[in-house]
Protein backbone atom coordinates (compact mmCIF):
# COMPACT_ATOMS: atom_id res chain seq x y z
CA MET A 1 -0.02 0.10 -0.07
CA LYS A 2 0.87 3.54 -0.38
CA ILE A 3 1.36 5.66 2.81
CA LEU A 4 1.36 9.49 3.32
CA VAL A 5 3.35 10.45 6.25
CA VAL A 6 2.61 13.90 7.53
CA GLY A 7 5.30 15.84 9.32
CA SER A 8 9.02 16.58 9.32
CA GLY A 9 10.60 15.80 12.66
CA GLY A 10 12.46 12.98 14.40
CA ARG A 11 9.02 11.27 15.25
CA GLU A 12 7.96 11.35 11.70
CA HIS A 13 11.44 10.08 10.49
CA ALA A 14 11.09 7.03 13.13
CA LEU A 15 7.65 6.29 11.82
CA THR A 16 8.76 6.34 8.18
CA TRP A 17 11.86 4.20 9.01
CA LYS A 18 9.39 1.59 10.51
CA PHE A 19 6.97 1.69 7.73
CA ALA A 20 9.91 0.97 5.27
CA GLN A 21 10.35 -2.39 7.10
CA SER A 22 6.75 -3.40 6.27
CA ASP A 23 6.17 -5.96 3.55
CA LEU A 24 2.74 -4.22 3.07
CA VAL A 25 4.24 -0.95 2.16
CA SER A 26 5.00 -0.40 -1.63
CA GLU A 27 5.43 3.47 -1.51
CA ILE A 28 5.90 6.21 1.10
CA VAL A 29 5.37 9.81 0.42
CA CYS A 30 6.39 12.47 3.17
CA ALA A 31 4.95 15.84 3.55
CA PRO A 32 7.01 17.87 4.04
CA GLY A 33 9.55 15.31 5.31
CA ASN A 34 13.27 15.89 6.04
CA PRO A 35 16.54 14.57 4.49
CA GLY A 36 16.52 11.65 6.71
CA MET A 37 13.01 10.64 5.54
CA ALA A 38 14.16 10.96 1.94
CA ASN A 39 16.07 7.53 2.43
CA TYR A 40 12.77 5.80 2.69
CA GLY A 41 10.13 7.93 0.68
CA ASP A 42 9.47 10.74 -1.63
CA LEU A 43 9.37 14.19 -0.17
CA VAL A 44 6.69 16.68 -1.06
CA ASN A 45 7.00 20.22 -0.07
CA VAL A 46 3.65 20.70 1.62
CA ALA A 47 3.52 22.06 5.34
CA ALA A 48 2.18 19.77 7.92
CA GLU A 49 -0.46 22.53 8.90
CA ASP A 50 -1.58 23.09 5.41
CA VAL A 51 -4.62 21.11 5.73
CA ASP A 52 -6.18 21.76 2.29
CA SER A 53 -3.01 20.94 0.28
CA LEU A 54 -2.39 17.71 2.37
CA VAL A 55 -6.01 16.58 1.43
CA ALA A 56 -5.35 17.42 -2.23
CA LEU A 57 -2.12 15.59 -2.12
CA ALA A 58 -3.55 12.64 -0.36
CA THR A 59 -6.13 12.40 -3.00
CA ASP A 60 -3.90 13.15 -5.91
CA ILE A 61 -1.31 10.25 -5.05
CA LYS A 62 -4.39 7.90 -4.15
CA ALA A 63 -2.94 7.33 -0.57
CA ASP A 64 -4.12 3.99 0.89
CA LEU A 65 -3.30 5.35 4.40
CA VAL A 66 -2.22 8.72 5.79
CA VAL A 67 -0.49 8.83 9.04
CA VAL A 68 -0.42 12.18 10.86
CA GLY A 69 2.68 12.69 13.11
CA PRO A 70 2.21 15.99 14.82
CA GLU A 71 -0.69 17.31 16.73
CA ALA A 72 -1.36 20.72 15.01
CA PRO A 73 -3.00 19.30 11.81
CA LEU A 74 -5.03 17.02 13.75
CA VAL A 75 -6.48 19.85 15.91
CA LEU A 76 -7.11 21.62 12.63
CA GLY A 77 -9.27 18.91 11.37
CA LEU A 78 -7.07 17.14 8.96
CA ALA A 79 -8.29 13.59 9.84
CA ASP A 80 -11.94 14.76 9.44
CA GLN A 81 -11.34 15.95 5.93
CA LEU A 82 -9.60 12.90 4.91
CA THR A 83 -12.18 10.65 6.30
CA GLU A 84 -14.93 12.40 4.70
CA ARG A 85 -13.19 11.65 1.37
CA GLY A 86 -12.85 7.95 2.19
CA ILE A 87 -9.22 8.00 2.88
CA PRO A 88 -8.13 5.83 5.91
CA THR A 89 -6.39 7.99 8.33
CA PHE A 90 -4.30 7.27 11.55
CA GLY A 91 -4.98 10.24 13.88
CA PRO A 92 -7.97 11.37 15.80
CA SER A 93 -10.63 13.85 14.56
CA ALA A 94 -10.40 17.58 15.59
CA ALA A 95 -13.25 16.87 18.22
CA ALA A 96 -11.08 13.88 19.77
CA SER A 97 -8.02 15.92 19.53
CA ARG A 98 -9.15 18.30 22.05
CA ILE A 99 -7.91 15.79 24.48
CA GLU A 100 -4.46 17.59 23.81
CA GLY A 101 -5.83 20.72 22.29
CA SER A 102 -7.55 21.86 25.23
CA LYS A 103 -6.24 21.03 28.70
CA SER A 104 -9.31 22.29 30.50
CA TRP A 105 -11.60 20.09 28.38
CA ALA A 106 -9.38 17.03 29.06
CA ASN A 107 -9.51 17.83 32.83
CA GLU A 108 -13.32 18.04 32.66
CA ILE A 109 -13.43 14.59 31.21
CA MET A 110 -11.19 13.15 33.82
CA TYR A 111 -13.16 14.80 36.66
CA ARG A 112 -16.41 13.31 35.46
CA LEU A 113 -14.79 9.73 35.09
CA GLY A 114 -12.89 9.97 38.42
CA ILE A 115 -9.53 9.59 36.84
CA PRO A 116 -6.82 10.77 39.26
CA CYS A 117 -5.44 14.03 38.21
CA PRO A 118 -4.36 17.38 39.75
CA GLU A 119 -6.88 19.75 40.87
CA SER A 120 -7.12 22.72 38.51
CA ARG A 121 -8.85 26.06 37.70
CA THR A 122 -9.07 27.65 34.35
CA PHE A 123 -8.62 31.44 33.76
CA SER A 124 -8.60 33.98 30.91
CA ASP A 125 -8.25 37.10 33.00
CA ALA A 126 -4.77 37.85 34.48
CA ALA A 127 -6.04 39.65 37.48
CA THR A 128 -8.38 36.90 38.55
CA ALA A 129 -5.50 34.31 38.04
CA ILE A 130 -3.11 36.35 40.10
CA GLN A 131 -5.52 36.61 42.97
CA TYR A 132 -6.12 32.82 42.96
CA VAL A 133 -2.28 32.22 42.79
CA GLU A 134 -1.71 34.52 45.75
CA SER A 135 -3.96 32.15 47.83
CA CYS A 136 -1.91 29.10 46.94
CA PRO A 137 1.17 27.81 48.74
CA PRO A 138 4.47 28.90 47.10
CA GLY A 139 5.90 26.23 44.85
CA GLY A 140 2.55 24.47 44.95
CA ILE A 141 1.10 25.07 41.34
CA VAL A 142 1.85 24.61 37.66
CA VAL A 143 0.81 27.25 35.08
CA LYS A 144 -0.18 25.75 31.69
CA ALA A 145 -1.36 27.37 28.26
CA ASP A 146 -4.53 25.73 27.68
CA GLY A 147 -3.87 25.12 23.97
CA LEU A 148 -1.01 23.78 21.88
CA ALA A 149 2.37 25.27 22.65
CA ALA A 150 4.77 22.86 21.24
CA GLY A 151 5.53 21.32 24.53
CA LYS A 152 6.75 24.81 25.88
CA GLY A 153 3.56 26.22 27.37
CA VAL A 154 4.22 24.73 30.87
CA THR A 155 5.83 26.66 33.85
CA ILE A 156 6.64 25.19 37.11
CA PRO A 157 7.16 28.58 39.36
CA GLU A 158 8.91 28.15 42.70
CA THR A 159 7.69 31.51 43.92
CA PRO A 160 4.61 33.64 43.57
CA THR A 161 6.70 36.10 41.44
CA GLU A 162 7.62 33.45 39.05
CA ALA A 163 3.85 32.36 38.92
CA ILE A 164 2.77 35.82 38.25
CA GLU A 165 5.20 36.31 35.47
CA ALA A 166 4.05 33.11 33.69
CA ILE A 167 0.34 34.31 34.04
CA THR A 168 1.23 37.78 32.59
CA ASP A 169 3.54 36.29 29.93
CA SER A 170 0.60 34.04 28.67
CA LEU A 171 -2.61 36.09 29.16
CA GLU A 172 -1.15 39.65 28.65
CA HIS A 173 2.04 39.34 26.57
CA ARG A 174 0.54 36.45 24.52
CA ALA A 175 3.89 34.56 24.63
CA PHE A 176 2.12 31.41 23.34
CA GLY A 177 -0.38 33.24 20.97
CA GLU A 178 -3.77 31.86 20.92
CA ALA A 179 -2.82 28.90 22.83
CA GLY A 180 -2.36 30.85 25.88
CA GLU A 181 -5.39 33.14 25.67
CA THR A 182 -6.70 30.63 28.54
CA ILE A 183 -4.63 29.11 30.98
CA VAL A 184 -4.88 26.21 33.32
CA ILE A 185 -3.39 26.55 36.93
CA GLU A 186 -2.95 23.07 38.44
CA GLU A 187 -1.94 21.51 41.86
CA ARG A 188 1.81 20.67 41.53
CA LEU A 189 2.38 16.91 42.03
CA SER A 190 5.54 15.22 42.98
CA GLY A 191 7.00 11.86 41.74
CA PRO A 192 8.60 10.38 38.71
CA GLU A 193 6.91 10.90 35.46
CA LEU A 194 5.95 8.25 32.92
CA SER A 195 4.76 8.37 29.40
CA VAL A 196 2.22 5.60 28.47
CA PHE A 197 1.19 4.99 24.89
CA ALA A 198 -1.75 2.77 23.36
CA PHE A 199 -3.11 2.50 19.96
CA ILE A 200 -6.98 3.08 20.02
CA ASP A 201 -9.57 2.68 17.31
CA GLY A 202 -12.68 3.85 19.23
CA GLU A 203 -13.54 1.06 21.71
CA THR A 204 -10.36 -1.00 21.48
CA VAL A 205 -7.27 -0.23 23.38
CA SER A 206 -4.12 -2.02 22.57
CA ASN A 207 -1.38 -3.28 24.96
CA PRO A 208 0.41 -0.11 26.22
CA VAL A 209 4.00 0.62 26.43
CA ALA A 210 5.91 3.07 28.58
CA ALA A 211 8.75 5.51 28.27
CA ARG A 212 10.33 8.38 30.24
CA ASP A 213 11.32 11.70 28.58
CA TYR A 214 13.36 14.61 29.78
CA LYS A 215 11.75 18.17 29.34
CA ARG A 216 14.07 20.60 30.91
CA ALA A 217 16.89 22.12 28.86
CA TYR A 218 19.85 21.12 30.88
CA ASP A 219 21.38 18.49 33.11
CA GLY A 220 19.82 17.97 36.37
CA ASP A 221 16.39 19.01 35.16
CA VAL A 222 17.04 22.75 35.12
CA GLY A 223 16.26 25.31 32.56
CA ALA A 224 13.18 25.89 30.56
CA ASN A 225 10.91 23.38 29.28
CA THR A 226 11.55 22.14 25.82
CA GLY A 227 9.83 19.85 23.49
CA GLY A 228 12.06 17.02 24.78
CA MET A 229 15.71 16.58 25.20
CA GLY A 230 15.76 12.77 25.26
CA ALA A 231 13.82 9.63 26.44
CA TYR A 232 14.35 6.01 27.15
CA THR A 233 12.07 2.98 27.23
CA SER A 234 12.59 -0.31 29.15
CA PRO A 235 10.26 -3.28 30.07
CA ASN A 236 11.34 -2.40 33.64
CA LEU A 237 9.90 1.06 33.53
CA CYS A 238 6.42 -0.28 34.41
CA SER A 239 5.39 -3.79 35.16
CA PRO A 240 2.75 -5.62 33.04
CA SER A 241 0.31 -5.45 35.87
CA ASP A 242 0.78 -1.80 36.35
CA LEU A 243 0.29 -1.31 32.52
CA ASP A 244 -2.85 -3.28 32.67
CA HIS A 245 -4.09 -1.11 35.58
CA ILE A 246 -3.42 2.04 33.59
CA ARG A 247 -5.06 0.59 30.49
CA SER A 248 -8.25 -0.44 32.55
CA SER A 249 -8.48 2.64 34.91
CA ILE A 250 -7.31 5.44 32.58
CA LEU A 251 -6.98 4.69 28.89
CA GLU A 252 -10.23 2.56 28.31
CA PRO A 253 -12.52 4.89 30.31
CA VAL A 254 -11.29 7.77 28.33
CA ALA A 255 -11.64 5.94 24.99
CA HIS A 256 -15.31 4.89 25.98
CA ALA A 257 -15.96 8.55 27.10
CA LEU A 258 -14.97 9.86 23.69
CA VAL A 259 -17.17 7.45 21.96
CA ALA A 260 -20.03 8.48 24.24
CA GLU A 261 -19.12 12.12 23.30
CA GLY A 262 -19.59 11.30 19.61
CA CYS A 263 -16.01 11.64 18.68
CA PRO A 264 -14.40 8.15 18.86
CA TYR A 265 -10.55 8.29 19.13
CA ARG A 266 -8.59 6.79 16.30
CA GLY A 267 -4.91 6.92 16.58
CA VAL A 268 -2.18 6.60 19.45
CA LEU A 269 -3.19 8.14 22.85
CA TYR A 270 -0.27 9.38 25.00
CA ALA A 271 -0.90 9.52 28.79
CA GLY A 272 1.59 11.59 30.65
CA LEU A 273 1.61 10.40 34.31
CA MET A 274 3.01 11.38 37.56
CA LEU A 275 3.79 8.39 39.77
CA THR A 276 2.75 9.93 43.20
CA GLU A 277 2.53 8.31 46.49
CA SER A 278 -1.07 7.72 46.20
CA GLY A 279 -0.85 6.20 42.78
CA PRO A 280 -0.57 7.44 39.11
CA GLN A 281 -2.10 10.57 38.25
CA VAL A 282 -2.66 12.16 34.66
CA ILE A 283 -0.99 15.29 34.17
CA GLU A 284 -1.61 15.59 30.42
CA PHE A 285 -2.94 13.79 27.39
CA ASN A 286 -1.46 13.94 23.95
CA CYS A 287 -3.19 13.01 20.65
CA ARG A 288 -0.04 11.49 18.94
CA PHE A 289 3.23 9.73 19.82
CA GLY A 290 5.55 11.89 21.92
CA ASP A 291 8.72 13.28 20.52
CA PRO A 292 11.42 12.12 21.39
CA GLU A 293 9.67 9.10 22.98
CA CYS A 294 8.47 7.78 19.52
CA GLU A 295 12.17 7.20 18.29
CA PRO A 296 13.25 4.72 20.86
CA LEU A 297 9.73 3.08 21.07
CA MET A 298 10.05 2.21 17.30
CA LEU A 299 13.10 0.21 18.17
CA ARG A 300 10.90 -1.85 20.61
CA LEU A 301 7.81 -2.40 18.34
CA ASP A 302 7.78 -5.87 17.07
CA SER A 303 4.36 -5.49 15.18
CA ASP A 304 4.05 -4.31 11.76
CA LEU A 305 3.42 -0.57 12.28
CA ALA A 306 1.62 -0.33 8.76
CA GLU A 307 -0.67 -3.13 9.72
CA VAL A 308 -1.53 -1.67 13.17
CA CYS A 309 -2.12 1.95 11.85
CA LEU A 310 -4.43 0.63 8.98
CA ALA A 311 -6.32 -1.53 11.46
CA VAL A 312 -6.73 1.60 13.70
CA ALA A 313 -8.00 3.74 10.81
CA GLU A 314 -10.44 1.06 9.67
CA GLY A 315 -11.67 0.14 13.19
CA ARG A 316 -10.20 -3.39 13.07
CA LEU A 317 -7.72 -3.04 16.08
CA ASP A 318 -9.45 -5.98 17.92
CA GLU A 319 -8.13 -8.41 15.10
CA LEU A 320 -4.46 -7.54 16.06
CA SER A 321 -2.17 -8.05 19.14
CA VAL A 322 0.30 -5.18 19.36
CA MET A 323 3.65 -6.66 20.35
CA TRP A 324 6.60 -4.75 22.18
CA ASN A 325 9.82 -6.57 22.38
CA GLN A 326 12.18 -6.57 25.54
CA ASN A 327 14.76 -4.31 24.26
CA ARG A 328 15.97 -1.26 26.02
CA ALA A 329 16.29 1.86 24.00
CA VAL A 330 17.65 5.50 24.44
CA GLY A 331 17.24 8.57 22.48
CA VAL A 332 19.46 11.65 22.98
CA VAL A 333 18.49 14.83 21.41
CA VAL A 334 21.31 17.04 20.03
CA VAL A 335 20.15 20.55 19.88
CA SER A 336 21.16 24.03 18.65
CA SER A 337 23.13 25.96 21.35
CA LYS A 338 20.54 28.26 22.87
CA TYR A 339 17.40 26.08 22.48
CA PRO A 340 14.67 26.58 23.58
CA ALA A 341 15.47 30.16 23.30
CA ALA A 342 16.14 31.87 19.94
CA TYR A 343 18.79 30.09 17.99
CA GLU A 344 20.57 30.37 14.72
CA THR A 345 20.31 27.77 11.97
CA GLY A 346 22.04 26.70 8.66
CA PHE A 347 25.17 25.26 10.11
CA PRO A 348 26.85 22.31 8.51
CA ILE A 349 26.46 18.95 10.22
CA TYR A 350 29.40 16.63 10.37
CA GLY A 351 29.79 13.06 11.91
CA ASP A 352 28.85 9.60 11.48
CA LEU A 353 24.95 9.25 11.35
CA PRO A 354 24.27 5.46 11.29
CA SER A 355 20.91 3.86 10.23
CA GLU A 356 21.02 0.43 11.58
CA ASP A 357 18.40 -1.73 13.38
CA ASN A 358 19.79 -0.92 16.81
CA ALA A 359 21.56 2.43 16.19
CA ILE A 360 20.03 5.07 14.25
CA VAL A 361 20.14 8.91 14.04
CA PHE A 362 16.65 10.26 13.22
CA HIS A 363 16.51 13.80 11.69
CA ALA A 364 14.51 16.20 13.73
CA GLY A 365 15.38 19.64 12.36
CA THR A 366 17.67 19.24 9.24
CA SER A 367 17.89 20.50 5.71
CA GLU A 368 20.23 20.57 2.81
CA ASP A 369 22.02 23.53 1.15
CA ASP A 370 22.39 24.03 -2.49
CA ASP A 371 25.49 21.78 -2.50
CA GLY A 372 23.73 18.89 -0.69
CA GLN A 373 25.48 19.59 2.54
CA LEU A 374 23.37 18.71 5.62
CA ILE A 375 22.65 21.69 7.69
CA THR A 376 20.79 22.50 10.88
CA ALA A 377 17.19 23.80 10.41
CA GLY A 378 15.69 23.62 13.93
CA GLY A 379 16.25 23.67 17.64
CA ARG A 380 16.06 19.99 17.95
CA VAL A 381 18.29 18.89 15.27
CA LEU A 382 19.06 15.11 15.54
CA VAL A 383 17.75 12.33 17.79
CA VAL A 384 20.50 9.72 18.37
CA THR A 385 18.79 6.39 19.16
CA ALA A 386 20.26 3.06 20.12
CA ALA A 387 18.78 -0.32 21.46
CA SER A 388 20.20 -2.96 23.46
CA THR A 389 18.90 -6.53 24.54
CA GLU A 390 21.11 -6.26 27.63
CA SER A 391 20.47 -3.13 29.49
CA VAL A 392 19.63 0.58 29.29
CA GLN A 393 23.12 1.48 30.11
CA ASP A 394 24.47 -0.53 27.21
CA ALA A 395 21.88 1.32 24.86
CA ARG A 396 22.90 4.67 26.55
CA SER A 397 26.57 4.16 26.09
CA THR A 398 25.94 3.51 22.26
CA ALA A 399 23.82 6.56 21.96
CA PHE A 400 26.28 8.75 23.69
CA GLU A 401 29.10 7.41 21.75
CA ILE A 402 27.39 8.36 18.35
CA ALA A 403 26.30 11.85 19.78
CA ASP A 404 29.92 12.63 20.87
CA GLY A 405 30.97 12.33 17.17
CA ILE A 406 28.28 14.68 15.78
CA GLU A 407 29.66 18.29 15.06
CA PHE A 408 27.75 21.52 14.17
CA GLU A 409 28.36 24.92 15.62
CA GLY A 410 26.79 25.17 18.95
CA ALA A 411 25.77 21.55 19.16
CA ARG A 412 24.89 20.38 22.65
CA TYR A 413 22.80 17.64 24.48
CA ARG A 414 21.94 16.64 27.99
CA SER A 415 24.48 14.25 29.24
CA ASP A 416 22.19 12.74 31.99
CA ILE A 417 19.61 11.01 29.76
CA ALA A 418 18.74 7.55 31.21
CA VAL A 419 21.62 7.84 33.81
CA GLY A 420 21.18 5.04 36.20
CA ALA A 421 18.12 3.65 34.52
CA ASP A 422 17.37 -0.08 34.70
């Protein structure tokens, strides 16, 4: 079959790499794609948020399946338009994508279902929000842009002053544009974070898998939140019984609630959890694979990704068993020097970028100049990913050895990704 992959980051490169391993796939088209994805499919220069042009492209190439990587086109209704034209699509409708597109809406669903999550309040007026914050204990809240902010709309203030700055930045200075016209102020929880992913086709929820990502810009979890500086996945992260509990107590109730809401969810659902002393609590839902979690997860997926995605799109997930292997996998993101603050691009990239089953460098923000030289084109530039059948530390060692050999002006990465992980 012919697959159209929408997106241009490391997540989409990883999905394309996995699709290329399927005997079911005869052709891959990527829009807009990146130089790494060009090794497996044809690139078409259509932006991931240009919904009308993407629909026209899928129709023109007679795509048998469209797989949408990023969240923005889903919230904009790409899946709706494709489905209306009879094109099987992996990715939820605009209505179902509100699970990520509106944190307040997601919280309302969780409160109604009794799913453990932080207490929260929603505000669109800065003065009212500040008044509320002044009644909260210092360091006891999290301030979030309600809408999509590319993983950067979350502030964890330690003082009332920092909280007020986060509120005014979002509501008055419009630091996150429309995404921050409304904010959610949540109770701050403590404990290790866990990302859990499952394929869903409405009622059916697949066998889930867990990963852990690193959001802060610098070692030791300091600095601003980013789109993700690295991730790892291991069968030891979460026991099978705990994953079953998360599926039955969180993922399945949400899936069934969305069916009842009239917007069945079809795609991959990402539950961001905090493992508190009282048990797991949901701190966010995302309507797509996490990035950079997707990259190491693809090294653990034993099932045929194309077969799974088509079954989800056609509502046949109950016919399949999604299988994850026992590998340990680590992804280290090599970023531009000042990321997530303003950064320069266009620097030549040098070094060995392997593309093997257990060691592959996925392109996240790259391009080519007129001479065919690979250059930087984003804040997150490359995701160095490695897997091991032995241990997380073995995979980690391989990933960092590769990352050490990558050079471009200002290149840096966190050195503590998966340190001490089992």
